[in-house]
Amino acid sequence: MAQTTPVSRVLQIQLQTGTLANGQPKVTSHNYANVAMDSVDDDLLAVGQAIAALYADPLVQITRQDQVAISANSSTSTT
């Protein structure tokens, strides 16, 4: 069975920085690495909103990106 190990977490703030020729919003992402793996979503939302308030552009969304390593389970059982 596969085993997963958390590797890293990134907070991403997406802002609308303009409009494309076809009328769709132009979105720019700002990534903040080294986020604590045990941080809860409510805290990430609060931090993301506080950071977004420092920008002149309107906030589109705040996302959390987790990277997880997947490996084979190395434990063996003897019966």
PDB file of N, CA and C in Angstrom:
ATOM      1  N   MET A   1       0.841  -1.180   0.000  1.00  0.00           N
ATOM      2  CA  MET A   1       0.000   0.000   0.000  1.00  0.00           C
ATOM      3  C   MET A   1       0.890   1.249   0.000  1.00  0.00           C
ATOM      4  N   ALA A   2       0.471   2.258  -0.670  1.00  0.00           N
ATOM      5  CA  ALA A   2       1.244   3.501  -0.772  1.00  0.00           C
ATOM      6  C   ALA A   2       1.194   4.289   0.529  1.00  0.00           C
ATOM      7  N   GLN A   3       2.273   4.994   0.776  1.00  0.00           N
ATOM      8  CA  GLN A   3       2.387   5.844   1.952  1.00  0.00           C
ATOM      9  C   GLN A   3       2.646   7.270   1.475  1.00  0.00           C
ATOM     10  N   THR A   4       1.991   8.244   2.095  1.00  0.00           N
ATOM     11  CA  THR A   4       2.200   9.641   1.702  1.00  0.00           C
ATOM     12  C   THR A   4       2.897  10.401   2.822  1.00  0.00           C
ATOM     13  N   THR A   5       3.726  11.353   2.411  1.00  0.00           N
ATOM     14  CA  THR A   5       4.446  12.204   3.343  1.00  0.00           C
ATOM     15  C   THR A   5       4.317  13.647   2.880  1.00  0.00           C
ATOM     16  N   PRO A   6       3.762  14.537   3.721  1.00  0.00           N
ATOM     17  CA  PRO A   6       3.688  15.948   3.341  1.00  0.00           C
ATOM     18  C   PRO A   6       5.080  16.524   3.106  1.00  0.00           C
ATOM     19  N   VAL A   7       5.228  17.282   2.021  1.00  0.00           N
ATOM     20  CA  VAL A   7       6.529  17.848   1.661  1.00  0.00           C
ATOM     21  C   VAL A   7       6.536  19.364   1.835  1.00  0.00           C
ATOM     22  N   SER A   8       5.549  20.041   1.260  1.00  0.00           N
ATOM     23  CA  SER A   8       5.527  21.501   1.350  1.00  0.00           C
ATOM     24  C   SER A   8       4.113  22.023   1.153  1.00  0.00           C
ATOM     25  N   ARG A   9       3.939  23.282   1.535  1.00  0.00           N
ATOM     26  CA  ARG A   9       2.641  23.951   1.389  1.00  0.00           C
ATOM     27  C   ARG A   9       2.904  25.371   0.895  1.00  0.00           C
ATOM     28  N   VAL A  10       2.090  25.810  -0.057  1.00  0.00           N
ATOM     29  CA  VAL A  10       2.221  27.144  -0.641  1.00  0.00           C
ATOM     30  C   VAL A  10       0.871  27.852  -0.557  1.00  0.00           C
ATOM     31  N   LEU A  11       0.884  29.102  -0.133  1.00  0.00           N
ATOM     32  CA  LEU A  11      -0.303  29.948  -0.146  1.00  0.00           C
ATOM     33  C   LEU A  11      -0.264  30.746  -1.436  1.00  0.00           C
ATOM     34  N   GLN A  12      -1.342  30.691  -2.213  1.00  0.00           N
ATOM     35  CA  GLN A  12      -1.390  31.414  -3.483  1.00  0.00           C
ATOM     36  C   GLN A  12      -2.532  32.426  -3.438  1.00  0.00           C
ATOM     37  N   ILE A  13      -2.209  33.655  -3.803  1.00  0.00           N
ATOM     38  CA  ILE A  13      -3.203  34.726  -3.866  1.00  0.00           C
ATOM     39  C   ILE A  13      -3.344  35.129  -5.327  1.00  0.00           C
ATOM     40  N   GLN A  14      -4.565  35.057  -5.838  1.00  0.00           N
ATOM     41  CA  GLN A  14      -4.828  35.383  -7.235  1.00  0.00           C
ATOM     42  C   GLN A  14      -5.580  36.714  -7.298  1.00  0.00           C
ATOM     43  N   LEU A  15      -5.025  37.637  -8.083  1.00  0.00           N
ATOM     44  CA  LEU A  15      -5.585  38.980  -8.214  1.00  0.00           C
ATOM     45  C   LEU A  15      -5.936  39.250  -9.671  1.00  0.00           C
ATOM     46  N   GLN A  16      -6.999  40.020  -9.877  1.00  0.00           N
ATOM     47  CA  GLN A  16      -7.346  40.428 -11.240  1.00  0.00           C
ATOM     48  C   GLN A  16      -6.564  41.692 -11.560  1.00  0.00           C
ATOM     49  N   THR A  17      -5.666  41.566 -12.532  1.00  0.00           N
ATOM     50  CA  THR A  17      -4.780  42.689 -12.860  1.00  0.00           C
ATOM     51  C   THR A  17      -5.169  43.383 -14.162  1.00  0.00           C
ATOM     52  N   GLY A  18      -6.299  43.015 -14.704  1.00  0.00           N
ATOM     53  CA  GLY A  18      -6.751  43.638 -15.942  1.00  0.00           C
ATOM     54  C   GLY A  18      -7.761  42.759 -16.636  1.00  0.00           C
ATOM     55  N   THR A  19      -7.986  43.075 -17.916  1.00  0.00           N
ATOM     56  CA  THR A  19      -8.935  42.325 -18.735  1.00  0.00           C
ATOM     57  C   THR A  19      -8.260  41.996 -20.057  1.00  0.00           C
ATOM     58  N   LEU A  20      -8.444  40.752 -20.490  1.00  0.00           N
ATOM     59  CA  LEU A  20      -7.878  40.314 -21.765  1.00  0.00           C
ATOM     60  C   LEU A  20      -8.715  40.858 -22.919  1.00  0.00           C
ATOM     61  N   ALA A  21      -8.193  40.762 -24.133  1.00  0.00           N
ATOM     62  CA  ALA A  21      -8.885  41.269 -25.316  1.00  0.00           C
ATOM     63  C   ALA A  21     -10.248  40.609 -25.518  1.00  0.00           C
ATOM     64  N   ASN A  22     -10.372  39.345 -25.079  1.00  0.00           N
ATOM     65  CA  ASN A  22     -11.650  38.642 -25.252  1.00  0.00           C
ATOM     66  C   ASN A  22     -12.636  38.916 -24.121  1.00  0.00           C
ATOM     67  N   GLY A  23     -12.277  39.803 -23.206  1.00  0.00           N
ATOM     68  CA  GLY A  23     -13.182  40.179 -22.123  1.00  0.00           C
ATOM     69  C   GLY A  23     -12.996  39.378 -20.839  1.00  0.00           C
ATOM     70  N   GLN A  24     -12.189  38.342 -20.894  1.00  0.00           N
ATOM     71  CA  GLN A  24     -11.927  37.540 -19.701  1.00  0.00           C
ATOM     72  C   GLN A  24     -10.974  38.284 -18.763  1.00  0.00           C
ATOM     73  N   PRO A  25     -11.122  38.063 -17.461  1.00  0.00           N
ATOM     74  CA  PRO A  25     -10.213  38.728 -16.523  1.00  0.00           C
ATOM     75  C   PRO A  25      -8.792  38.183 -16.641  1.00  0.00           C
ATOM     76  N   LYS A  26      -7.825  39.075 -16.534  1.00  0.00           N
ATOM     77  CA  LYS A  26      -6.416  38.675 -16.489  1.00  0.00           C
ATOM     78  C   LYS A  26      -6.069  38.478 -15.017  1.00  0.00           C
ATOM     79  N   VAL A  27      -5.649  37.262 -14.674  1.00  0.00           N
ATOM     80  CA  VAL A  27      -5.374  36.917 -13.284  1.00  0.00           C
ATOM     81  C   VAL A  27      -3.878  36.710 -13.096  1.00  0.00           C
ATOM     82  N   THR A  28      -3.342  37.322 -12.053  1.00  0.00           N
ATOM     83  CA  THR A  28      -1.938  37.165 -11.689  1.00  0.00           C
ATOM     84  C   THR A  28      -1.875  36.468 -10.335  1.00  0.00           C
ATOM     85  N   SER A  29      -0.979  35.491 -10.226  1.00  0.00           N
ATOM     86  CA  SER A  29      -0.827  34.734  -8.980  1.00  0.00           C
ATOM     87  C   SER A  29       0.427  35.156  -8.245  1.00  0.00           C
ATOM     88  N   HIS A  30       0.299  35.259  -6.934  1.00  0.00           N
ATOM     89  CA  HIS A  30       1.435  35.529  -6.049  1.00  0.00           C
ATOM     90  C   HIS A  30       1.543  34.346  -5.096  1.00  0.00           C
ATOM     91  N   ASN A  31       2.696  33.680  -5.112  1.00  0.00           N
ATOM     92  CA  ASN A  31       2.892  32.483  -4.305  1.00  0.00           C
ATOM     93  C   ASN A  31       3.770  32.779  -3.099  1.00  0.00           C
ATOM     94  N   TYR A  32       3.368  32.240  -1.954  1.00  0.00           N
ATOM     95  CA  TYR A  32       4.109  32.404  -0.708  1.00  0.00           C
ATOM     96  C   TYR A  32       4.449  31.005  -0.196  1.00  0.00           C
ATOM     97  N   ALA A  33       5.718  30.647  -0.281  1.00  0.00           N
ATOM     98  CA  ALA A  33       6.175  29.306   0.083  1.00  0.00           C
ATOM     99  C   ALA A  33       6.492  29.222   1.577  1.00  0.00           C
ATOM    100  N   ASN A  34       6.876  28.024   1.987  1.00  0.00           N
ATOM    101  CA  ASN A  34       7.280  27.737   3.363  1.00  0.00           C
ATOM    102  C   ASN A  34       6.166  27.974   4.376  1.00  0.00           C
ATOM    103  N   VAL A  35       4.944  27.665   3.979  1.00  0.00           N
ATOM    104  CA  VAL A  35       3.803  27.768   4.887  1.00  0.00           C
ATOM    105  C   VAL A  35       3.834  26.541   5.800  1.00  0.00           C
ATOM    106  N   ALA A  36       3.587  26.742   7.065  1.00  0.00           N
ATOM    107  CA  ALA A  36       3.611  25.635   8.025  1.00  0.00           C
ATOM    108  C   ALA A  36       2.602  24.568   7.628  1.00  0.00           C
ATOM    109  N   MET A  37       3.030  23.316   7.665  1.00  0.00           N
ATOM    110  CA  MET A  37       2.174  22.200   7.259  1.00  0.00           C
ATOM    111  C   MET A  37       0.982  22.023   8.194  1.00  0.00           C
ATOM    112  N   ASP A  38       1.086  22.501   9.427  1.00  0.00           N
ATOM    113  CA  ASP A  38      -0.015  22.332  10.371  1.00  0.00           C
ATOM    114  C   ASP A  38      -0.944  23.554  10.421  1.00  0.00           C
ATOM    115  N   SER A  39      -0.752  24.508   9.513  1.00  0.00           N
ATOM    116  CA  SER A  39      -1.627  25.682   9.491  1.00  0.00           C
ATOM    117  C   SER A  39      -3.027  25.277   9.038  1.00  0.00           C
ATOM    118  N   VAL A  40      -4.030  25.869   9.677  1.00  0.00           N
ATOM    119  CA  VAL A  40      -5.423  25.534   9.356  1.00  0.00           C
ATOM    120  C   VAL A  40      -5.958  26.497   8.304  1.00  0.00           C
ATOM    121  N   ASP A  41      -6.987  26.055   7.597  1.00  0.00           N
ATOM    122  CA  ASP A  41      -7.529  26.832   6.487  1.00  0.00           C
ATOM    123  C   ASP A  41      -8.033  28.209   6.912  1.00  0.00           C
ATOM    124  N   ASP A  42      -8.645  28.320   8.093  1.00  0.00           N
ATOM    125  CA  ASP A  42      -9.136  29.627   8.554  1.00  0.00           C
ATOM    126  C   ASP A  42      -7.984  30.620   8.713  1.00  0.00           C
ATOM    127  N   ASP A  43      -6.848  30.144   9.211  1.00  0.00           N
ATOM    128  CA  ASP A  43      -5.680  31.022   9.365  1.00  0.00           C
ATOM    129  C   ASP A  43      -5.109  31.412   8.006  1.00  0.00           C
ATOM    130  N   LEU A  44      -5.049  30.454   7.087  1.00  0.00           N
ATOM    131  CA  LEU A  44      -4.555  30.760   5.746  1.00  0.00           C
ATOM    132  C   LEU A  44      -5.449  31.784   5.053  1.00  0.00           C
ATOM    133  N   LEU A  45      -6.752  31.650   5.239  1.00  0.00           N
ATOM    134  CA  LEU A  45      -7.687  32.609   4.643  1.00  0.00           C
ATOM    135  C   LEU A  45      -7.462  34.005   5.216  1.00  0.00           C
ATOM    136  N   ALA A  46      -7.317  34.091   6.527  1.00  0.00           N
ATOM    137  CA  ALA A  46      -7.100  35.395   7.170  1.00  0.00           C
ATOM    138  C   ALA A  46      -5.801  36.042   6.694  1.00  0.00           C
ATOM    139  N   VAL A  47      -4.738  35.247   6.612  1.00  0.00           N
ATOM    140  CA  VAL A  47      -3.449  35.775   6.143  1.00  0.00           C
ATOM    141  C   VAL A  47      -3.547  36.182   4.679  1.00  0.00           C
ATOM    142  N   GLY A  48      -4.177  35.347   3.864  1.00  0.00           N
ATOM    143  CA  GLY A  48      -4.344  35.658   2.447  1.00  0.00           C
ATOM    144  C   GLY A  48      -5.124  36.943   2.230  1.00  0.00           C
ATOM    145  N   GLN A  49      -6.190  37.121   3.007  1.00  0.00           N
ATOM    146  CA  GLN A  49      -6.983  38.341   2.882  1.00  0.00           C
ATOM    147  C   GLN A  49      -6.189  39.569   3.317  1.00  0.00           C
ATOM    148  N   ALA A  50      -5.384  39.416   4.358  1.00  0.00           N
ATOM    149  CA  ALA A  50      -4.565  40.539   4.827  1.00  0.00           C
ATOM    150  C   ALA A  50      -3.513  40.921   3.790  1.00  0.00           C
ATOM    151  N   ILE A  51      -2.888  39.918   3.177  1.00  0.00           N
ATOM    152  CA  ILE A  51      -1.890  40.200   2.139  1.00  0.00           C
ATOM    153  C   ILE A  51      -2.560  40.826   0.924  1.00  0.00           C
ATOM    154  N   ALA A  52      -3.704  40.281   0.516  1.00  0.00           N
ATOM    155  CA  ALA A  52      -4.417  40.806  -0.658  1.00  0.00           C
ATOM    156  C   ALA A  52      -4.831  42.261  -0.454  1.00  0.00           C
ATOM    157  N   ALA A  53      -5.119  42.644   0.780  1.00  0.00           N
ATOM    158  CA  ALA A  53      -5.521  44.022   1.071  1.00  0.00           C
ATOM    159  C   ALA A  53      -4.380  45.006   0.809  1.00  0.00           C
ATOM    160  N   LEU A  54      -3.144  44.523   0.750  1.00  0.00           N
ATOM    161  CA  LEU A  54      -1.992  45.387   0.484  1.00  0.00           C
ATOM    162  C   LEU A  54      -1.843  45.712  -1.004  1.00  0.00           C
ATOM    163  N   TYR A  55      -2.552  44.970  -1.854  1.00  0.00           N
ATOM    164  CA  TYR A  55      -2.489  45.177  -3.301  1.00  0.00           C
ATOM    165  C   TYR A  55      -3.640  46.085  -3.745  1.00  0.00           C
ATOM    166  N   ALA A  56      -3.422  46.823  -4.807  1.00  0.00           N
ATOM    167  CA  ALA A  56      -4.469  47.687  -5.358  1.00  0.00           C
ATOM    168  C   ALA A  56      -5.478  46.885  -6.189  1.00  0.00           C
ATOM    169  N   ASP A  57      -5.058  45.713  -6.698  1.00  0.00           N
ATOM    170  CA  ASP A  57      -5.909  44.913  -7.565  1.00  0.00           C
ATOM    171  C   ASP A  57      -6.908  44.091  -6.750  1.00  0.00           C
ATOM    172  N   PRO A  58      -8.094  43.827  -7.319  1.00  0.00           N
ATOM    173  CA  PRO A  58      -9.103  43.053  -6.592  1.00  0.00           C
ATOM    174  C   PRO A  58      -8.722  41.570  -6.459  1.00  0.00           C
ATOM    175  N   LEU A  59      -9.079  40.997  -5.325  1.00  0.00           N
ATOM    176  CA  LEU A  59      -8.815  39.596  -5.031  1.00  0.00           C
ATOM    177  C   LEU A  59      -9.768  38.703  -5.820  1.00  0.00           C
ATOM    178  N   VAL A  60      -9.219  37.679  -6.472  1.00  0.00           N
ATOM    179  CA  VAL A  60     -10.032  36.686  -7.183  1.00  0.00           C
ATOM    180  C   VAL A  60     -10.266  35.493  -6.268  1.00  0.00           C
ATOM    181  N   GLN A  61      -9.171  34.898  -5.785  1.00  0.00           N
ATOM    182  CA  GLN A  61      -9.298  33.790  -4.846  1.00  0.00           C
ATOM    183  C   GLN A  61      -7.985  33.523  -4.133  1.00  0.00           C
ATOM    184  N   ILE A  62      -8.106  32.796  -3.021  1.00  0.00           N
ATOM    185  CA  ILE A  62      -6.951  32.365  -2.243  1.00  0.00           C
ATOM    186  C   ILE A  62      -6.942  30.841  -2.300  1.00  0.00           C
ATOM    187  N   THR A  63      -5.779  30.265  -2.620  1.00  0.00           N
ATOM    188  CA  THR A  63      -5.688  28.812  -2.685  1.00  0.00           C
ATOM    189  C   THR A  63      -4.528  28.309  -1.834  1.00  0.00           C
ATOM    190  N   ARG A  64      -4.633  27.056  -1.467  1.00  0.00           N
ATOM    191  CA  ARG A  64      -3.570  26.367  -0.745  1.00  0.00           C
ATOM    192  C   ARG A  64      -3.109  25.223  -1.634  1.00  0.00           C
ATOM    193  N   GLN A  65      -1.810  25.135  -1.856  1.00  0.00           N
ATOM    194  CA  GLN A  65      -1.265  24.060  -2.681  1.00  0.00           C
ATOM    195  C   GLN A  65      -0.354  23.206  -1.811  1.00  0.00           C
ATOM    196  N   ASP A  66      -0.732  21.936  -1.665  1.00  0.00           N
ATOM    197  CA  ASP A  66       0.060  21.000  -0.867  1.00  0.00           C
ATOM    198  C   ASP A  66       0.809  20.060  -1.795  1.00  0.00           C
ATOM    199  N   GLN A  67       2.064  19.821  -1.486  1.00  0.00           N
ATOM    200  CA  GLN A  67       2.850  18.831  -2.222  1.00  0.00           C
ATOM    201  C   GLN A  67       3.077  17.659  -1.282  1.00  0.00           C
ATOM    202  N   VAL A  68       2.773  16.461  -1.791  1.00  0.00           N
ATOM    203  CA  VAL A  68       2.886  15.243  -0.996  1.00  0.00           C
ATOM    204  C   VAL A  68       3.717  14.229  -1.760  1.00  0.00           C
ATOM    205  N   ALA A  69       4.681  13.621  -1.079  1.00  0.00           N
ATOM    206  CA  ALA A  69       5.487  12.555  -1.679  1.00  0.00           C
ATOM    207  C   ALA A  69       4.757  11.234  -1.473  1.00  0.00           C
ATOM    208  N   ILE A  70       4.736  10.406  -2.502  1.00  0.00           N
ATOM    209  CA  ILE A  70       4.086   9.097  -2.432  1.00  0.00           C
ATOM    210  C   ILE A  70       5.172   8.029  -2.593  1.00  0.00           C
ATOM    211  N   SER A  71       5.178   7.086  -1.678  1.00  0.00           N
ATOM    212  CA  SER A  71       6.168   6.020  -1.743  1.00  0.00           C
ATOM    213  C   SER A  71       5.518   4.696  -1.348  1.00  0.00           C
ATOM    214  N   ALA A  72       6.222   3.621  -1.643  1.00  0.00           N
ATOM    215  CA  ALA A  72       5.744   2.302  -1.254  1.00  0.00           C
ATOM    216  C   ALA A  72       5.892   2.156   0.253  1.00  0.00           C
ATOM    217  N   ASN A  73       4.936   1.509   0.856  1.00  0.00           N
ATOM    218  CA  ASN A  73       5.000   1.256   2.295  1.00  0.00           C
ATOM    219  C   ASN A  73       6.133   0.275   2.557  1.00  0.00           C
ATOM    220  N   SER A  74       7.109   0.681   3.357  1.00  0.00           N
ATOM    221  CA  SER A  74       8.294  -0.148   3.559  1.00  0.00           C
ATOM    222  C   SER A  74       8.153  -1.125   4.718  1.00  0.00           C
ATOM    223  N   SER A  75       7.038  -1.079   5.428  1.00  0.00           N
ATOM    224  CA  SER A  75       6.889  -2.001   6.551  1.00  0.00           C
ATOM    225  C   SER A  75       6.530  -3.397   6.059  1.00  0.00           C
ATOM    226  N   THR A  76       7.097  -4.375   6.697  1.00  0.00           N
ATOM    227  CA  THR A  76       6.777  -5.758   6.349  1.00  0.00           C
ATOM    228  C   THR A  76       6.253  -6.448   7.586  1.00  0.00           C
ATOM    229  N   SER A  77       5.325  -7.299   7.397  1.00  0.00           N
ATOM    230  CA  SER A  77       4.771  -8.014   8.553  1.00  0.00           C
ATOM    231  C   SER A  77       5.173  -9.474   8.480  1.00  0.00           C
ATOM    232  N   THR A  78       5.427 -10.028   9.645  1.00  0.00           N
ATOM    233  CA  THR A  78       5.778 -11.444   9.714  1.00  0.00           C
ATOM    234  C   THR A  78       4.655 -12.176  10.421  1.00  0.00           C
ATOM    235  N   THR A  79       4.158 -13.193   9.785  1.00  0.00           N
ATOM    236  CA  THR A  79       3.061 -13.941  10.406  1.00  0.00           C
ATOM    237  C   THR A  79       3.450 -15.328  10.749  1.00  0.00           C
TER     238      THR A  79
END
